[in-house]
PDB file of N, CA and C in Angstrom:
ATOM      1  N   MET A   1      84.271  96.976 107.941  1.00  0.00           N
ATOM      2  CA  MET A   1      84.941  95.924 107.226  1.00  0.00           C
ATOM      3  C   MET A   1      85.070  96.307 105.753  1.00  0.00           C
ATOM      4  N   GLY A   2      86.187  95.959 105.135  1.00  0.00           N
ATOM      5  CA  GLY A   2      86.446  96.320 103.748  1.00  0.00           C
ATOM      6  C   GLY A   2      85.576  95.554 102.768  1.00  0.00           C
ATOM      7  N   ASN A   3      85.626  95.993 101.556  1.00  0.00           N
ATOM      8  CA  ASN A   3      84.885  95.357 100.478  1.00  0.00           C
ATOM      9  C   ASN A   3      85.569  94.043 100.121  1.00  0.00           C
ATOM     10  N   TYR A   4      84.861  92.912 100.299  1.00  0.00           N
ATOM     11  CA  TYR A   4      85.437  91.590 100.085  1.00  0.00           C
ATOM     12  C   TYR A   4      85.901  91.404  98.650  1.00  0.00           C
ATOM     13  N   SER A   5      85.087  91.838  97.683  1.00  0.00           N
ATOM     14  CA  SER A   5      85.434  91.686  96.273  1.00  0.00           C
ATOM     15  C   SER A   5      86.707  92.452  95.949  1.00  0.00           C
ATOM     16  N   SER A   6      86.811  93.677  96.424  1.00  0.00           N
ATOM     17  CA  SER A   6      88.005  94.492  96.196  1.00  0.00           C
ATOM     18  C   SER A   6      89.214  93.867  96.886  1.00  0.00           C
ATOM     19  N   ASP A   7      89.011  93.332  98.080  1.00  0.00           N
ATOM     20  CA  ASP A   7      90.093  92.708  98.828  1.00  0.00           C
ATOM     21  C   ASP A   7      90.626  91.491  98.073  1.00  0.00           C
ATOM     22  N   ARG A   8      89.738  90.662  97.550  1.00  0.00           N
ATOM     23  CA  ARG A   8      90.161  89.480  96.790  1.00  0.00           C
ATOM     24  C   ARG A   8      90.914  89.876  95.527  1.00  0.00           C
ATOM     25  N   LYS A   9      90.467  90.956  94.890  1.00  0.00           N
ATOM     26  CA  LYS A   9      91.076  91.396  93.637  1.00  0.00           C
ATOM     27  C   LYS A   9      92.455  92.022  93.862  1.00  0.00           C
ATOM     28  N   ASN A  10      92.621  92.758  94.957  1.00  0.00           N
ATOM     29  CA  ASN A  10      93.815  93.581  95.158  1.00  0.00           C
ATOM     30  C   ASN A  10      94.824  93.050  96.161  1.00  0.00           C
ATOM     31  N   THR A  11      94.540  91.937  96.793  1.00  0.00           N
ATOM     32  CA  THR A  11      95.477  91.446  97.802  1.00  0.00           C
ATOM     33  C   THR A  11      95.810  89.974  97.574  1.00  0.00           C
ATOM     34  N   ARG A  12      96.893  89.566  98.186  1.00  0.00           N
ATOM     35  CA  ARG A  12      97.296  88.159  98.164  1.00  0.00           C
ATOM     36  C   ARG A  12      97.781  87.821  99.549  1.00  0.00           C
ATOM     37  N   PHE A  13      97.241  86.750 100.132  1.00  0.00           N
ATOM     38  CA  PHE A  13      97.672  86.308 101.455  1.00  0.00           C
ATOM     39  C   PHE A  13      98.897  85.416 101.312  1.00  0.00           C
ATOM     40  N   VAL A  14      99.917  85.703 102.115  1.00  0.00           N
ATOM     41  CA  VAL A  14     101.109  84.870 102.175  1.00  0.00           C
ATOM     42  C   VAL A  14     101.337  84.550 103.639  1.00  0.00           C
ATOM     43  N   GLY A  15     101.291  83.275 103.982  1.00  0.00           N
ATOM     44  CA  GLY A  15     101.456  82.860 105.374  1.00  0.00           C
ATOM     45  C   GLY A  15     102.872  82.381 105.650  1.00  0.00           C
ATOM     46  N   LEU A  16     103.180  82.298 106.924  1.00  0.00           N
ATOM     47  CA  LEU A  16     104.491  81.829 107.359  1.00  0.00           C
ATOM     48  C   LEU A  16     104.264  80.860 108.513  1.00  0.00           C
ATOM     49  N   LYS A  17     104.632  79.614 108.312  1.00  0.00           N
ATOM     50  CA  LYS A  17     104.448  78.583 109.333  1.00  0.00           C
ATOM     51  C   LYS A  17     105.786  78.398 110.057  1.00  0.00           C
ATOM     52  N   LEU A  18     105.780  78.612 111.366  1.00  0.00           N
ATOM     53  CA  LEU A  18     107.002  78.490 112.156  1.00  0.00           C
ATOM     54  C   LEU A  18     106.863  77.344 113.155  1.00  0.00           C
ATOM     55  N   ASN A  19     107.942  76.608 113.346  1.00  0.00           N
ATOM     56  CA  ASN A  19     107.972  75.495 114.279  1.00  0.00           C
ATOM     57  C   ASN A  19     108.371  76.006 115.662  1.00  0.00           C
ATOM     58  N   ARG A  20     107.573  75.703 116.673  1.00  0.00           N
ATOM     59  CA  ARG A  20     107.852  76.192 118.037  1.00  0.00           C
ATOM     60  C   ARG A  20     109.201  75.705 118.573  1.00  0.00           C
ATOM     61  N   ASN A  21     109.686  74.583 118.077  1.00  0.00           N
ATOM     62  CA  ASN A  21     110.961  74.042 118.561  1.00  0.00           C
ATOM     63  C   ASN A  21     112.151  74.590 117.774  1.00  0.00           C
ATOM     64  N   THR A  22     112.101  74.477 116.473  1.00  0.00           N
ATOM     65  CA  THR A  22     113.268  74.865 115.671  1.00  0.00           C
ATOM     66  C   THR A  22     113.293  76.350 115.323  1.00  0.00           C
ATOM     67  N   ASP A  23     112.155  77.031 115.427  1.00  0.00           N
ATOM     68  CA  ASP A  23     112.083  78.457 115.078  1.00  0.00           C
ATOM     69  C   ASP A  23     111.738  79.335 116.277  1.00  0.00           C
ATOM     70  N   SER A  24     111.977  78.833 117.465  1.00  0.00           N
ATOM     71  CA  SER A  24     111.572  79.575 118.668  1.00  0.00           C
ATOM     72  C   SER A  24     112.245  80.939 118.763  1.00  0.00           C
ATOM     73  N   ASP A  25     113.478  81.053 118.285  1.00  0.00           N
ATOM     74  CA  ASP A  25     114.168  82.343 118.315  1.00  0.00           C
ATOM     75  C   ASP A  25     113.453  83.359 117.418  1.00  0.00           C
ATOM     76  N   ILE A  26     113.011  82.907 116.260  1.00  0.00           N
ATOM     77  CA  ILE A  26     112.288  83.792 115.345  1.00  0.00           C
ATOM     78  C   ILE A  26     110.943  84.189 115.939  1.00  0.00           C
ATOM     79  N   ILE A  27     110.256  83.221 116.522  1.00  0.00           N
ATOM     80  CA  ILE A  27     108.945  83.488 117.136  1.00  0.00           C
ATOM     81  C   ILE A  27     109.091  84.525 118.251  1.00  0.00           C
ATOM     82  N   ARG A  28     110.083  84.334 119.124  1.00  0.00           N
ATOM     83  CA  ARG A  28     110.308  85.285 120.223  1.00  0.00           C
ATOM     84  C   ARG A  28     110.572  86.693 119.680  1.00  0.00           C
ATOM     85  N   HIS A  29     111.399  86.775 118.649  1.00  0.00           N
ATOM     86  CA  HIS A  29     111.724  88.087 118.081  1.00  0.00           C
ATOM     87  C   HIS A  29     110.484  88.735 117.472  1.00  0.00           C
ATOM     88  N   LEU A  30     109.730  87.982 116.692  1.00  0.00           N
ATOM     89  CA  LEU A  30     108.544  88.547 116.050  1.00  0.00           C
ATOM     90  C   LEU A  30     107.500  89.006 117.058  1.00  0.00           C
ATOM     91  N   GLU A  31     107.441  88.343 118.196  1.00  0.00           N
ATOM     92  CA  GLU A  31     106.482  88.734 119.233  1.00  0.00           C
ATOM     93  C   GLU A  31     106.810  90.091 119.853  1.00  0.00           C
ATOM     94  N   THR A  32     108.028  90.590 119.629  1.00  0.00           N
ATOM     95  CA  THR A  32     108.396  91.903 120.165  1.00  0.00           C
ATOM     96  C   THR A  32     108.070  93.034 119.184  1.00  0.00           C
ATOM     97  N   ILE A  33     107.673  92.685 117.973  1.00  0.00           N
ATOM     98  CA  ILE A  33     107.421  93.660 116.908  1.00  0.00           C
ATOM     99  C   ILE A  33     105.968  94.098 116.934  1.00  0.00           C
ATOM    100  N   ASP A  34     105.735  95.422 117.003  1.00  0.00           N
ATOM    101  CA  ASP A  34     104.361  95.941 117.014  1.00  0.00           C
ATOM    102  C   ASP A  34     103.648  95.722 115.681  1.00  0.00           C
ATOM    103  N   ASN A  35     104.315  96.040 114.586  1.00  0.00           N
ATOM    104  CA  ASN A  35     103.719  95.924 113.254  1.00  0.00           C
ATOM    105  C   ASN A  35     104.484  94.859 112.482  1.00  0.00           C
ATOM    106  N   MET A  36     104.106  93.598 112.697  1.00  0.00           N
ATOM    107  CA  MET A  36     104.821  92.484 112.099  1.00  0.00           C
ATOM    108  C   MET A  36     104.779  92.527 110.569  1.00  0.00           C
ATOM    109  N   GLN A  37     103.624  92.851 110.013  1.00  0.00           N
ATOM    110  CA  GLN A  37     103.490  92.893 108.557  1.00  0.00           C
ATOM    111  C   GLN A  37     104.406  93.958 107.961  1.00  0.00           C
ATOM    112  N   GLY A  38     104.387  95.146 108.538  1.00  0.00           N
ATOM    113  CA  GLY A  38     105.252  96.223 108.051  1.00  0.00           C
ATOM    114  C   GLY A  38     106.722  95.873 108.199  1.00  0.00           C
ATOM    115  N   TYR A  39     107.061  95.253 109.317  1.00  0.00           N
ATOM    116  CA  TYR A  39     108.441  94.832 109.585  1.00  0.00           C
ATOM    117  C   TYR A  39     108.915  93.844 108.524  1.00  0.00           C
ATOM    118  N   LEU A  40     108.103  92.836 108.233  1.00  0.00           N
ATOM    119  CA  LEU A  40     108.484  91.831 107.247  1.00  0.00           C
ATOM    120  C   LEU A  40     108.571  92.428 105.838  1.00  0.00           C
ATOM    121  N   LYS A  41     107.637  93.316 105.504  1.00  0.00           N
ATOM    122  CA  LYS A  41     107.691  93.977 104.194  1.00  0.00           C
ATOM    123  C   LYS A  41     108.975  94.794 104.062  1.00  0.00           C
ATOM    124  N   ASP A  42     109.339  95.524 105.128  1.00  0.00           N
ATOM    125  CA  ASP A  42     110.566  96.330 105.099  1.00  0.00           C
ATOM    126  C   ASP A  42     111.798  95.444 104.908  1.00  0.00           C
ATOM    127  N   LEU A  43     111.841  94.293 105.592  1.00  0.00           N
ATOM    128  CA  LEU A  43     112.974  93.376 105.436  1.00  0.00           C
ATOM    129  C   LEU A  43     113.065  92.841 104.012  1.00  0.00           C
ATOM    130  N   ILE A  44     111.934  92.485 103.450  1.00  0.00           N
ATOM    131  CA  ILE A  44     111.923  91.945 102.087  1.00  0.00           C
ATOM    132  C   ILE A  44     112.362  93.014 101.097  1.00  0.00           C
ATOM    133  N   ARG A  45     111.838  94.240 101.268  1.00  0.00           N
ATOM    134  CA  ARG A  45     112.226  95.315 100.345  1.00  0.00           C
ATOM    135  C   ARG A  45     113.716  95.652 100.472  1.00  0.00           C
ATOM    136  N   ALA A  46     114.244  95.604 101.695  1.00  0.00           N
ATOM    137  CA  ALA A  46     115.677  95.857 101.897  1.00  0.00           C
ATOM    138  C   ALA A  46     116.491  94.765 101.209  1.00  0.00           C
ATOM    139  N   ASP A  47     116.032  93.530 101.288  1.00  0.00           N
ATOM    140  CA  ASP A  47     116.717  92.433 100.632  1.00  0.00           C
ATOM    141  C   ASP A  47     116.679  92.595  99.116  1.00  0.00           C
ATOM    142  N   MET A  48     115.549  93.017  98.592  1.00  0.00           N
ATOM    143  CA  MET A  48     115.410  93.238  97.154  1.00  0.00           C
ATOM    144  C   MET A  48     116.342  94.352  96.686  1.00  0.00           C
ATOM    145  N   LYS A  49     116.567  95.329  97.548  1.00  0.00           N
ATOM    146  CA  LYS A  49     117.365  96.497  97.193  1.00  0.00           C
ATOM    147  C   LYS A  49     118.867  96.209  97.251  1.00  0.00           C
ATOM    148  N   GLU A  50     119.266  95.137  97.925  1.00  0.00           N
ATOM    149  CA  GLU A  50     120.686  94.839  98.125  1.00  0.00           C
ATOM    150  C   GLU A  50     121.464  94.689  96.834  1.00  0.00           C
ATOM    151  N   ASP A  51     120.779  94.342  95.756  1.00  0.00           N
ATOM    152  CA  ASP A  51     121.499  94.191  94.495  1.00  0.00           C
ATOM    153  C   ASP A  51     121.887  95.540  93.900  1.00  0.00           C
ATOM    154  N   GLY A  52     121.544  96.620  94.608  1.00  0.00           N
ATOM    155  CA  GLY A  52     121.927  97.955  94.177  1.00  0.00           C
ATOM    156  C   GLY A  52     120.956  98.599  93.217  1.00  0.00           C
ATOM    157  N   LYS A  53     119.968  97.849  92.781  1.00  0.00           N
ATOM    158  CA  LYS A  53     118.993  98.392  91.856  1.00  0.00           C
ATOM    159  C   LYS A  53     117.772  98.891  92.613  1.00  0.00           C
ATOM    160  N   MET A  54     117.158  99.881  92.056  1.00  0.00           N
ATOM    161  CA  MET A  54     115.936 100.430  92.621  1.00  0.00           C
ATOM    162  C   MET A  54     114.799  99.435  92.365  1.00  0.00           C
ATOM    163  N   THR A  55     113.923  99.269  93.345  1.00  0.00           N
ATOM    164  CA  THR A  55     112.762  98.419  93.124  1.00  0.00           C
ATOM    165  C   THR A  55     111.744  99.191  92.284  1.00  0.00           C
ATOM    166  N   ILE A  56     110.808  98.474  91.703  1.00  0.00           N
ATOM    167  CA  ILE A  56     109.770  99.118  90.901  1.00  0.00           C
ATOM    168  C   ILE A  56     108.943 100.045  91.788  1.00  0.00           C
ATOM    169  N   ARG A  57     108.691  99.636  93.006  1.00  0.00           N
ATOM    170  CA  ARG A  57     107.929 100.477  93.939  1.00  0.00           C
ATOM    171  C   ARG A  57     108.678 101.783  94.223  1.00  0.00           C
ATOM    172  N   GLU A  58     109.994 101.699  94.433  1.00  0.00           N
ATOM    173  CA  GLU A  58     110.794 102.899  94.671  1.00  0.00           C
ATOM    174  C   GLU A  58     110.816 103.807  93.443  1.00  0.00           C
ATOM    175  N   LEU A  59     110.906 103.197  92.272  1.00  0.00           N
ATOM    176  CA  LEU A  59     110.889 103.951  91.032  1.00  0.00           C
ATOM    177  C   LEU A  59     109.575 104.715  90.889  1.00  0.00           C
ATOM    178  N   ALA A  60     108.467 104.045  91.142  1.00  0.00           N
ATOM    179  CA  ALA A  60     107.150 104.692  91.064  1.00  0.00           C
ATOM    180  C   ALA A  60     107.052 105.819  92.085  1.00  0.00           C
ATOM    181  N   LYS A  61     107.516 105.553  93.318  1.00  0.00           N
ATOM    182  CA  LYS A  61     107.441 106.576  94.366  1.00  0.00           C
ATOM    183  C   LYS A  61     108.271 107.804  93.993  1.00  0.00           C
ATOM    184  N   ASN A  62     109.444 107.596  93.416  1.00  0.00           N
ATOM    185  CA  ASN A  62     110.271 108.719  92.978  1.00  0.00           C
ATOM    186  C   ASN A  62     109.558 109.560  91.927  1.00  0.00           C
ATOM    187  N   TRP A  63     108.909 108.900  90.973  1.00  0.00           N
ATOM    188  CA  TRP A  63     108.173 109.629  89.940  1.00  0.00           C
ATOM    189  C   TRP A  63     107.013 110.408  90.565  1.00  0.00           C
ATOM    190  N   ILE A  64     106.331 109.796  91.507  1.00  0.00           N
ATOM    191  CA  ILE A  64     105.208 110.460  92.179  1.00  0.00           C
ATOM    192  C   ILE A  64     105.712 111.660  92.977  1.00  0.00           C
ATOM    193  N   ASP A  65     106.791 111.456  93.728  1.00  0.00           N
ATOM    194  CA  ASP A  65     107.347 112.529  94.561  1.00  0.00           C
ATOM    195  C   ASP A  65     107.847 113.706  93.729  1.00  0.00           C
ATOM    196  N   ASN A  66     108.269 113.459  92.499  1.00  0.00           N
ATOM    197  CA  ASN A  66     108.818 114.513  91.650  1.00  0.00           C
ATOM    198  C   ASN A  66     107.822 115.055  90.634  1.00  0.00           C
ATOM    199  N   ALA A  67     106.563 114.651  90.750  1.00  0.00           N
ATOM    200  CA  ALA A  67     105.538 115.126  89.811  1.00  0.00           C
ATOM    201  C   ALA A  67     105.267 116.617  90.018  1.00  0.00           C
ATOM    202  N   ASP A  68     104.971 117.304  88.929  1.00  0.00           N
ATOM    203  CA  ASP A  68     104.669 118.741  88.989  1.00  0.00           C
ATOM    204  C   ASP A  68     103.290 119.012  89.589  1.00  0.00           C
ATOM    205  N   THR A  69     102.391 118.066  89.429  1.00  0.00           N
ATOM    206  CA  THR A  69     101.040 118.201  89.973  1.00  0.00           C
ATOM    207  C   THR A  69     100.765 117.027  90.901  1.00  0.00           C
ATOM    208  N   THR A  70      99.656 117.092  91.597  1.00  0.00           N
ATOM    209  CA  THR A  70      99.285 115.986  92.478  1.00  0.00           C
ATOM    210  C   THR A  70      98.878 114.791  91.613  1.00  0.00           C
ATOM    211  N   PRO A  71      99.648 113.717  91.662  1.00  0.00           N
ATOM    212  CA  PRO A  71      99.356 112.589  90.789  1.00  0.00           C
ATOM    213  C   PRO A  71      98.176 111.752  91.288  1.00  0.00           C
ATOM    214  N   GLY A  72      97.520 111.117  90.351  1.00  0.00           N
ATOM    215  CA  GLY A  72      96.440 110.193  90.671  1.00  0.00           C
ATOM    216  C   GLY A  72      96.790 108.819  90.134  1.00  0.00           C
ATOM    217  N   MET A  73      95.798 107.964  90.097  1.00  0.00           N
ATOM    218  CA  MET A  73      95.986 106.611  89.584  1.00  0.00           C
ATOM    219  C   MET A  73      96.327 106.679  88.093  1.00  0.00           C
ATOM    220  N   ILE A  74      97.053 105.683  87.602  1.00  0.00           N
ATOM    221  CA  ILE A  74      97.374 105.632  86.178  1.00  0.00           C
ATOM    222  C   ILE A  74      96.873 104.322  85.579  1.00  0.00           C
ATOM    223  N   ASP A  75      96.704 104.338  84.261  1.00  0.00           N
ATOM    224  CA  ASP A  75      96.308 103.131  83.551  1.00  0.00           C
ATOM    225  C   ASP A  75      97.533 102.539  82.852  1.00  0.00           C
ATOM    226  N   LEU A  76      97.325 101.416  82.192  1.00  0.00           N
ATOM    227  CA  LEU A  76      98.423 100.702  81.559  1.00  0.00           C
ATOM    228  C   LEU A  76      99.098 101.530  80.462  1.00  0.00           C
ATOM    229  N   LYS A  77      98.315 102.261  79.689  1.00  0.00           N
ATOM    230  CA  LYS A  77      98.869 103.082  78.611  1.00  0.00           C
ATOM    231  C   LYS A  77      99.783 104.176  79.171  1.00  0.00           C
ATOM    232  N   THR A  78      99.345 104.821  80.247  1.00  0.00           N
ATOM    233  CA  THR A  78     100.149 105.872  80.874  1.00  0.00           C
ATOM    234  C   THR A  78     101.427 105.285  81.462  1.00  0.00           C
ATOM    235  N   ALA A  79     101.323 104.121  82.103  1.00  0.00           N
ATOM    236  CA  ALA A  79     102.505 103.467  82.672  1.00  0.00           C
ATOM    237  C   ALA A  79     103.525 103.175  81.574  1.00  0.00           C
ATOM    238  N   ALA A  80     103.057 102.706  80.426  1.00  0.00           N
ATOM    239  CA  ALA A  80     103.961 102.423  79.303  1.00  0.00           C
ATOM    240  C   ALA A  80     104.628 103.705  78.803  1.00  0.00           C
ATOM    241  N   GLN A  81     103.866 104.801  78.757  1.00  0.00           N
ATOM    242  CA  GLN A  81     104.446 106.086  78.334  1.00  0.00           C
ATOM    243  C   GLN A  81     105.533 106.534  79.305  1.00  0.00           C
ATOM    244  N   TYR A  82     105.262 106.416  80.599  1.00  0.00           N
ATOM    245  CA  TYR A  82     106.253 106.816  81.605  1.00  0.00           C
ATOM    246  C   TYR A  82     107.535 106.000  81.440  1.00  0.00           C
ATOM    247  N   ILE A  83     107.399 104.701  81.204  1.00  0.00           N
ATOM    248  CA  ILE A  83     108.583 103.853  81.027  1.00  0.00           C
ATOM    249  C   ILE A  83     109.364 104.297  79.790  1.00  0.00           C
ATOM    250  N   ASP A  84     108.653 104.656  78.729  1.00  0.00           N
ATOM    251  CA  ASP A  84     109.322 105.158  77.519  1.00  0.00           C
ATOM    252  C   ASP A  84     110.116 106.428  77.792  1.00  0.00           C
ATOM    253  N   TRP A  85     109.617 107.265  78.722  1.00  0.00           N
ATOM    254  CA  TRP A  85     110.272 108.531  79.037  1.00  0.00           C
ATOM    255  C   TRP A  85     111.448 108.374  79.986  1.00  0.00           C
ATOM    256  N   MET A  86     111.588 107.202  80.595  1.00  0.00           N
ATOM    257  CA  MET A  86     112.645 107.009  81.589  1.00  0.00           C
ATOM    258  C   MET A  86     114.019 106.991  80.932  1.00  0.00           C
ATOM    259  N   ASP A  87     114.988 107.453  81.698  1.00  0.00           N
ATOM    260  CA  ASP A  87     116.381 107.469  81.251  1.00  0.00           C
ATOM    261  C   ASP A  87     116.875 106.025  81.175  1.00  0.00           C
ATOM    262  N   LYS A  88     117.144 105.556  79.988  1.00  0.00           N
ATOM    263  CA  LYS A  88     117.555 104.162  79.811  1.00  0.00           C
ATOM    264  C   LYS A  88     118.950 103.895  80.376  1.00  0.00           C
ATOM    265  N   ASP A  89     119.716 104.955  80.666  1.00  0.00           N
ATOM    266  CA  ASP A  89     121.020 104.781  81.296  1.00  0.00           C
ATOM    267  C   ASP A  89     120.894 104.547  82.799  1.00  0.00           C
ATOM    268  N   GLU A  90     119.723 104.889  83.341  1.00  0.00           N
ATOM    269  CA  GLU A  90     119.470 104.674  84.762  1.00  0.00           C
ATOM    270  C   GLU A  90     119.414 103.172  85.025  1.00  0.00           C
ATOM    271  N   ASP A  91     119.789 102.765  86.212  1.00  0.00           N
ATOM    272  CA  ASP A  91     119.789 101.349  86.576  1.00  0.00           C
ATOM    273  C   ASP A  91     118.355 100.920  86.906  1.00  0.00           C
ATOM    274  N   LEU A  92     117.560 100.670  85.869  1.00  0.00           N
ATOM    275  CA  LEU A  92     116.155 100.318  86.051  1.00  0.00           C
ATOM    276  C   LEU A  92     116.008  98.850  86.455  1.00  0.00           C
ATOM    277  N   PRO A  93     114.958  98.532  87.212  1.00  0.00           N
ATOM    278  CA  PRO A  93     114.726  97.128  87.591  1.00  0.00           C
ATOM    279  C   PRO A  93     114.557  96.248  86.351  1.00  0.00           C
ATOM    280  N   GLU A  94     115.145  95.064  86.388  1.00  0.00           N
ATOM    281  CA  GLU A  94     115.089  94.151  85.250  1.00  0.00           C
ATOM    282  C   GLU A  94     113.666  93.678  84.962  1.00  0.00           C
ATOM    283  N   ASP A  95     112.840  93.597  86.004  1.00  0.00           N
ATOM    284  CA  ASP A  95     111.480  93.078  85.842  1.00  0.00           C
ATOM    285  C   ASP A  95     110.457  94.191  85.616  1.00  0.00           C
ATOM    286  N   LEU A  96     110.927  95.370  85.216  1.00  0.00           N
ATOM    287  CA  LEU A  96     110.039  96.501  84.979  1.00  0.00           C
ATOM    288  C   LEU A  96     109.189  96.266  83.738  1.00  0.00           C
ATOM    289  N   THR A  97     107.880  96.315  83.908  1.00  0.00           N
ATOM    290  CA  THR A  97     106.924  96.217  82.806  1.00  0.00           C
ATOM    291  C   THR A  97     105.872  97.300  83.029  1.00  0.00           C
ATOM    292  N   PRO A  98     105.111  97.643  81.998  1.00  0.00           N
ATOM    293  CA  PRO A  98     104.026  98.605  82.225  1.00  0.00           C
ATOM    294  C   PRO A  98     103.059  98.127  83.316  1.00  0.00           C
ATOM    295  N   GLU A  99     102.781  96.829  83.347  1.00  0.00           N
ATOM    296  CA  GLU A  99     101.872  96.279  84.355  1.00  0.00           C
ATOM    297  C   GLU A  99     102.436  96.435  85.767  1.00  0.00           C
ATOM    298  N   SER A 100     103.727  96.096  85.935  1.00  0.00           N
ATOM    299  CA  SER A 100     104.323  96.181  87.275  1.00  0.00           C
ATOM    300  C   SER A 100     104.457  97.634  87.727  1.00  0.00           C
ATOM    301  N   PHE A 101     104.772  98.527  86.783  1.00  0.00           N
ATOM    302  CA  PHE A 101     104.906  99.940  87.137  1.00  0.00           C
ATOM    303  C   PHE A 101     103.545 100.533  87.503  1.00  0.00           C
ATOM    304  N   MET A 102     102.512 100.199  86.726  1.00  0.00           N
ATOM    305  CA  MET A 102     101.167 100.683  87.024  1.00  0.00           C
ATOM    306  C   MET A 102     100.719 100.204  88.409  1.00  0.00           C
ATOM    307  N   GLU A 103     100.962  98.929  88.702  1.00  0.00           N
ATOM    308  CA  GLU A 103     100.573  98.373  89.997  1.00  0.00           C
ATOM    309  C   GLU A 103     101.307  99.064  91.146  1.00  0.00           C
ATOM    310  N   ALA A 104     102.618  99.250  90.992  1.00  0.00           N
ATOM    311  CA  ALA A 104     103.410  99.909  92.036  1.00  0.00           C
ATOM    312  C   ALA A 104     102.957 101.361  92.217  1.00  0.00           C
ATOM    313  N   TRP A 105     102.724 102.053  91.119  1.00  0.00           N
ATOM    314  CA  TRP A 105     102.263 103.454  91.172  1.00  0.00           C
ATOM    315  C   TRP A 105     100.935 103.550  91.916  1.00  0.00           C
ATOM    316  N   ASN A 106      99.972 102.753  91.472  1.00  0.00           N
ATOM    317  CA  ASN A 106      98.635 102.823  92.060  1.00  0.00           C
ATOM    318  C   ASN A 106      98.623 102.379  93.518  1.00  0.00           C
ATOM    319  N   ASP A 107      99.455 101.385  93.883  1.00  0.00           N
ATOM    320  CA  ASP A 107      99.580 100.977  95.293  1.00  0.00           C
ATOM    321  C   ASP A 107     100.126 102.123  96.123  1.00  0.00           C
ATOM    322  N   THR A 108     101.114 102.856  95.571  1.00  0.00           N
ATOM    323  CA  THR A 108     101.712 103.979  96.289  1.00  0.00           C
ATOM    324  C   THR A 108     100.683 105.102  96.474  1.00  0.00           C
ATOM    325  N   ILE A 109      99.897 105.377  95.443  1.00  0.00           N
ATOM    326  CA  ILE A 109      98.866 106.415  95.545  1.00  0.00           C
ATOM    327  C   ILE A 109      97.824 106.022  96.593  1.00  0.00           C
ATOM    328  N   ARG A 110      97.442 104.747  96.600  1.00  0.00           N
ATOM    329  CA  ARG A 110      96.445 104.282  97.587  1.00  0.00           C
ATOM    330  C   ARG A 110      96.984 104.385  99.017  1.00  0.00           C
ATOM    331  N   GLY A 111      98.286 104.352  99.138  1.00  0.00           N
ATOM    332  CA  GLY A 111      98.897 104.461 100.465  1.00  0.00           C
ATOM    333  C   GLY A 111      98.985 103.160 101.076  1.00  0.00           C
TER     334      GLY A 111
END
């Protein structure tokens, strides 16, 4: 079992309440999915991407994938430096902050 303190600090539970009568089609479909959490995350990320802009998570992953060395976790100061180095002509996410970039980077490194 995972570390409860770390779990509380690093995760957020989001539930979905479905009605057996009015949402039966959704319930039936979800019951066919092996990895429901991954499926829902993929749908949400695809929806976020529809505006044509890269998500902060995708931006972090691109930086990690293109790193010259094996990247590790970053702190807030490093995240701010990376944002300063980014091409401002690139279509960056509107909600990009050092905090959001650091979180996305470190989540990607953790896997």
